[in-house]
C-alpha atoms as a PDB file:
ATOM      1  CA  MET A   1      -9.222  37.585 -39.730  1.00  0.00           C
ATOM      2  CA  LEU A   2      -7.019  34.538 -39.168  1.00  0.00           C
ATOM      3  CA  TYR A   3      -5.447  36.370 -36.213  1.00  0.00           C
ATOM      4  CA  ARG A   4      -8.865  36.852 -34.565  1.00  0.00           C
ATOM      5  CA  ILE A   5      -9.771  33.186 -35.069  1.00  0.00           C
ATOM      6  CA  LEU A   6      -6.474  32.045 -33.532  1.00  0.00           C
ATOM      7  CA  VAL A   7      -6.874  34.408 -30.560  1.00  0.00           C
ATOM      8  CA  GLY A   8     -10.477  33.229 -30.093  1.00  0.00           C
ATOM      9  CA  CYS A   9      -9.430  29.560 -30.219  1.00  0.00           C
ATOM     10  CA  LEU A  10      -6.597  30.230 -27.787  1.00  0.00           C
ATOM     11  CA  PHE A  11      -9.029  31.984 -25.413  1.00  0.00           C
ATOM     12  CA  LEU A  12     -11.512  29.083 -25.602  1.00  0.00           C
ATOM     13  CA  TRP A  13      -8.739  26.513 -25.096  1.00  0.00           C
ATOM     14  CA  HIS A  14      -7.381  28.435 -22.094  1.00  0.00           C
ATOM     15  CA  SER A  15     -10.867  28.755 -20.584  1.00  0.00           C
ATOM     16  CA  ALA A  16     -11.499  25.032 -21.022  1.00  0.00           C
ATOM     17  CA  MET A  17      -8.165  24.173 -19.396  1.00  0.00           C
ATOM     18  CA  MET A  18      -8.781  26.492 -16.449  1.00  0.00           C
ATOM     19  CA  ALA A  19     -12.217  24.940 -15.904  1.00  0.00           C
ATOM     20  CA  GLN A  20     -10.514  21.550 -15.521  1.00  0.00           C
ATOM     21  CA  ALA A  21      -7.745  22.778 -13.227  1.00  0.00           C
ATOM     22  CA  SER A  22      -7.714  21.108  -9.851  1.00  0.00           C
ATOM     23  CA  ASP A  23      -8.418  23.005  -6.666  1.00  0.00           C
ATOM     24  CA  PRO A  24      -5.088  24.515  -5.515  1.00  0.00           C
ATOM     25  CA  PHE A  25      -6.064  23.881  -1.879  1.00  0.00           C
ATOM     26  CA  TRP A  26      -6.736  20.170  -2.342  1.00  0.00           C
ATOM     27  CA  LEU A  27      -5.217  17.876   0.297  1.00  0.00           C
ATOM     28  CA  PRO A  28      -4.979  14.104   0.221  1.00  0.00           C
ATOM     29  CA  SER A  29      -7.729  12.538   2.314  1.00  0.00           C
ATOM     30  CA  SER A  30      -5.108  10.962   4.588  1.00  0.00           C
ATOM     31  CA  LEU A  31      -4.101  14.445   5.744  1.00  0.00           C
ATOM     32  CA  LEU A  32      -7.611  15.649   6.482  1.00  0.00           C
ATOM     33  CA  VAL A  33      -9.250  15.376   9.880  1.00  0.00           C
ATOM     34  CA  VAL A  34     -11.136  12.135  10.212  1.00  0.00           C
ATOM     35  CA  SER A  35     -14.672  12.838  11.394  1.00  0.00           C
ATOM     36  CA  ASP A  36     -15.586   9.142  11.619  1.00  0.00           C
ATOM     37  CA  THR A  37     -13.947   8.104  14.877  1.00  0.00           C
ATOM     38  CA  SER A  38     -14.113   4.427  13.931  1.00  0.00           C
ATOM     39  CA  GLN A  39     -11.737   4.986  11.019  1.00  0.00           C
ATOM     40  CA  ALA A  40      -8.042   4.348  11.641  1.00  0.00           C
ATOM     41  CA  TYR A  41      -5.319   6.750  10.534  1.00  0.00           C
ATOM     42  CA  GLU A  42      -2.422   5.463   8.475  1.00  0.00           C
ATOM     43  CA  VAL A  43      -0.216   8.236   9.893  1.00  0.00           C
ATOM     44  CA  ALA A  44      -0.949  10.470  12.871  1.00  0.00           C
ATOM     45  CA  GLU A  45       0.742  13.633  14.108  1.00  0.00           C
ATOM     46  CA  VAL A  46       2.079  11.550  16.999  1.00  0.00           C
ATOM     47  CA  GLN A  47       2.535   7.895  16.105  1.00  0.00           C
ATOM     48  CA  PRO A  48       1.682   5.169  18.636  1.00  0.00           C
ATOM     49  CA  THR A  49       4.613   3.700  20.538  1.00  0.00           C
ATOM     50  CA  PRO A  50       4.979   0.536  22.568  1.00  0.00           C
ATOM     51  CA  GLN A  51       5.721   0.812  26.294  1.00  0.00           C
ATOM     52  CA  GLY A  52       9.457   1.457  26.608  1.00  0.00           C
ATOM     53  CA  GLY A  53       9.811   2.573  22.980  1.00  0.00           C
ATOM     54  CA  MET A  54      10.573   0.776  19.732  1.00  0.00           C
ATOM     55  CA  GLU A  55      14.005  -0.446  20.834  1.00  0.00           C
ATOM     56  CA  ALA A  56      12.481  -2.231  23.840  1.00  0.00           C
ATOM     57  CA  PHE A  57       9.730  -3.608  21.588  1.00  0.00           C
ATOM     58  CA  ASN A  58      12.302  -5.018  19.148  1.00  0.00           C
ATOM     59  CA  LYS A  59      14.163  -6.673  22.048  1.00  0.00           C
ATOM     60  CA  TYR A  60      10.859  -8.099  23.281  1.00  0.00           C
ATOM     61  CA  LEU A  61      10.156  -9.561  19.825  1.00  0.00           C
ATOM     62  CA  SER A  62      13.652 -11.062  19.621  1.00  0.00           C
ATOM     63  CA  LYS A  63      13.264 -12.701  23.022  1.00  0.00           C
ATOM     64  CA  HIS A  64       9.696 -14.022  22.699  1.00  0.00           C
ATOM     65  CA  LEU A  65       9.288 -14.787  18.997  1.00  0.00           C
ATOM     66  CA  HIS A  66       9.985 -18.470  18.316  1.00  0.00           C
ATOM     67  CA  VAL A  67      10.459 -19.902  14.847  1.00  0.00           C
ATOM     68  CA  PRO A  68       7.688 -22.484  14.336  1.00  0.00           C
ATOM     69  CA  PRO A  69       9.015 -26.079  14.183  1.00  0.00           C
ATOM     70  CA  ALA A  70       7.751 -26.417  10.590  1.00  0.00           C
ATOM     71  CA  TYR A  71      10.581 -24.080   9.538  1.00  0.00           C
ATOM     72  CA  TRP A  72      13.355 -25.803  11.526  1.00  0.00           C
ATOM     73  CA  GLY A  73      16.083 -27.250   9.319  1.00  0.00           C
ATOM     74  CA  LYS A  74      14.945 -25.252   6.296  1.00  0.00           C
ATOM     75  CA  GLU A  75      18.241 -23.441   5.730  1.00  0.00           C
ATOM     76  CA  GLU A  76      17.634 -23.546   1.971  1.00  0.00           C
ATOM     77  CA  ILE A  77      14.819 -21.036   2.458  1.00  0.00           C
ATOM     78  CA  GLY A  78      17.343 -18.523   3.808  1.00  0.00           C
ATOM     79  CA  CYS A  79      15.778 -15.374   5.224  1.00  0.00           C
ATOM     80  CA  VAL A  80      12.024 -15.240   5.743  1.00  0.00           C
ATOM     81  CA  SER A  81       9.902 -12.220   6.444  1.00  0.00           C
ATOM     82  CA  SER A  82       6.527 -11.690   7.991  1.00  0.00           C
ATOM     83  CA  PHE A  83       4.493  -8.496   8.081  1.00  0.00           C
ATOM     84  CA  VAL A  84       1.510  -8.069  10.371  1.00  0.00           C
ATOM     85  CA  LYS A  85      -0.794  -5.062  10.461  1.00  0.00           C
ATOM     86  CA  PHE A  86      -2.972  -4.111  13.390  1.00  0.00           C
ATOM     87  CA  ILE A  87      -4.711  -1.114  14.916  1.00  0.00           C
ATOM     88  CA  VAL A  88      -3.611   0.710  18.040  1.00  0.00           C
ATOM     89  CA  GLU A  89      -6.881   1.818  19.615  1.00  0.00           C
ATOM     90  CA  LYS A  90      -7.498   5.131  21.391  1.00  0.00           C
ATOM     91  CA  ASP A  91      -6.883   3.457  24.754  1.00  0.00           C
ATOM     92  CA  GLY A  92      -3.631   1.818  23.574  1.00  0.00           C
ATOM     93  CA  THR A  93      -5.009  -1.696  23.191  1.00  0.00           C
ATOM     94  CA  LEU A  94      -4.301  -3.604  19.978  1.00  0.00           C
ATOM     95  CA  SER A  95      -6.895  -5.061  17.587  1.00  0.00           C
ATOM     96  CA  GLY A  96      -7.529  -6.101  13.999  1.00  0.00           C
ATOM     97  CA  PHE A  97      -4.465  -8.298  13.461  1.00  0.00           C
ATOM     98  CA  THR A  98      -4.005  -9.460   9.864  1.00  0.00           C
ATOM     99  CA  PRO A  99      -0.995 -10.773   7.952  1.00  0.00           C
ATOM    100  CA  VAL A 100       0.148  -8.573   5.078  1.00  0.00           C
ATOM    101  CA  THR A 101       0.332 -10.334   1.731  1.00  0.00           C
ATOM    102  CA  ARG A 102       2.852  -9.298  -0.865  1.00  0.00           C
ATOM    103  CA  GLY A 103       2.387  -8.726  -4.565  1.00  0.00           C
ATOM    104  CA  SER A 104      -0.478 -10.636  -6.132  1.00  0.00           C
ATOM    105  CA  ALA A 105      -0.469 -13.289  -3.391  1.00  0.00           C
ATOM    106  CA  THR A 106      -3.768 -13.890  -1.657  1.00  0.00           C
ATOM    107  CA  GLU A 107      -2.154 -15.358   1.444  1.00  0.00           C
ATOM    108  CA  SER A 108       1.142 -15.056   3.263  1.00  0.00           C
ATOM    109  CA  PRO A 109       3.925 -17.469   2.265  1.00  0.00           C
ATOM    110  CA  TYR A 110       4.698 -18.089   5.965  1.00  0.00           C
ATOM    111  CA  PRO A 111       1.347 -18.390   7.768  1.00  0.00           C
ATOM    112  CA  LEU A 112       2.813 -20.124  10.838  1.00  0.00           C
ATOM    113  CA  LEU A 113       5.310 -17.310  11.302  1.00  0.00           C
ATOM    114  CA  ASP A 114       2.492 -14.776  10.914  1.00  0.00           C
ATOM    115  CA  GLN A 115       0.492 -16.550  13.626  1.00  0.00           C
ATOM    116  CA  GLU A 116       3.504 -16.557  15.956  1.00  0.00           C
ATOM    117  CA  LEU A 117       4.164 -12.865  15.324  1.00  0.00           C
ATOM    118  CA  ILE A 118       0.517 -12.026  16.036  1.00  0.00           C
ATOM    119  CA  ARG A 119       0.651 -14.094  19.251  1.00  0.00           C
ATOM    120  CA  VAL A 120       3.738 -12.272  20.499  1.00  0.00           C
ATOM    121  CA  ILE A 121       2.459  -8.782  19.622  1.00  0.00           C
ATOM    122  CA  ARG A 122      -0.931  -9.489  21.267  1.00  0.00           C
ATOM    123  CA  GLU A 123       0.875 -10.261  24.526  1.00  0.00           C
ATOM    124  CA  THR A 124       2.548  -6.848  24.714  1.00  0.00           C
ATOM    125  CA  SER A 125       1.341  -4.319  27.232  1.00  0.00           C
ATOM    126  CA  PRO A 126      -0.889  -1.508  25.912  1.00  0.00           C
ATOM    127  CA  TRP A 127       0.819   1.046  23.684  1.00  0.00           C
ATOM    128  CA  GLN A 128       0.820   4.811  23.951  1.00  0.00           C
ATOM    129  CA  PRO A 129      -1.964   5.708  21.487  1.00  0.00           C
ATOM    130  CA  GLY A 130      -1.419   7.902  18.457  1.00  0.00           C
ATOM    131  CA  ARG A 131      -2.601  11.505  18.623  1.00  0.00           C
ATOM    132  CA  GLN A 132      -4.112  13.836  16.076  1.00  0.00           C
ATOM    133  CA  GLY A 133      -4.882  17.406  17.104  1.00  0.00           C
ATOM    134  CA  GLY A 134      -3.988  16.491  20.684  1.00  0.00           C
ATOM    135  CA  GLN A 135      -6.684  13.794  20.843  1.00  0.00           C
ATOM    136  CA  PRO A 136      -6.036  10.026  20.949  1.00  0.00           C
ATOM    137  CA  VAL A 137      -6.947   8.337  17.663  1.00  0.00           C
ATOM    138  CA  ARG A 138      -6.930   4.861  16.158  1.00  0.00           C
ATOM    139  CA  VAL A 139      -3.805   4.250  14.059  1.00  0.00           C
ATOM    140  CA  ARG A 140      -2.986   1.338  11.760  1.00  0.00           C
ATOM    141  CA  MET A 141       0.518  -0.073  12.248  1.00  0.00           C
ATOM    142  CA  VAL A 142       2.617  -2.620  10.336  1.00  0.00           C
ATOM    143  CA  VAL A 143       5.336  -4.641  12.065  1.00  0.00           C
ATOM    144  CA  PRO A 144       7.903  -6.397   9.861  1.00  0.00           C
ATOM    145  CA  VAL A 145      10.016  -9.310  11.097  1.00  0.00           C
ATOM    146  CA  PHE A 146      12.957 -10.819   9.230  1.00  0.00           C
ATOM    147  CA  ILE A 147      14.376 -14.152  10.391  1.00  0.00           C
ATOM    148  CA  LYS A 148      17.401 -15.960   9.029  1.00  0.00           C
ATOM    149  CA  LEU A 149      16.831 -19.695   9.141  1.00  0.00           C
ATOM    150  CA  GLY A 150      19.711 -22.037   9.861  1.00  0.00           C
END
């Protein structure tokens, strides 16, 4: 009798666990096709690239990005970083520039550097848009910049 009760409980437990099992074909939403064309991908099959490639873009940033005067002579700060996110549109134009905050901060610790980085990136020529399924799509990008002061 005890054997039958244990087998019955085991069967009920197994059935309950199987009912809660996740769908084995589940994919994260970031990997699914986006039907809303206004939504931006975080990652696309083909990522957007600046004209001339990333190496040319980095050289462009180095040449045109100027440390704001408010940070001149602040060697004690050491190395500062700025992160800006934006969207590469389907036609390669850039939009939606916002500084990226870190941790629990509500604003960037270097707002003047963020503004300068946004200014320089806005002035770049249109990018090659990202592609998903062979079609151009909007893709969100983040550009980090690290500057040693002094």
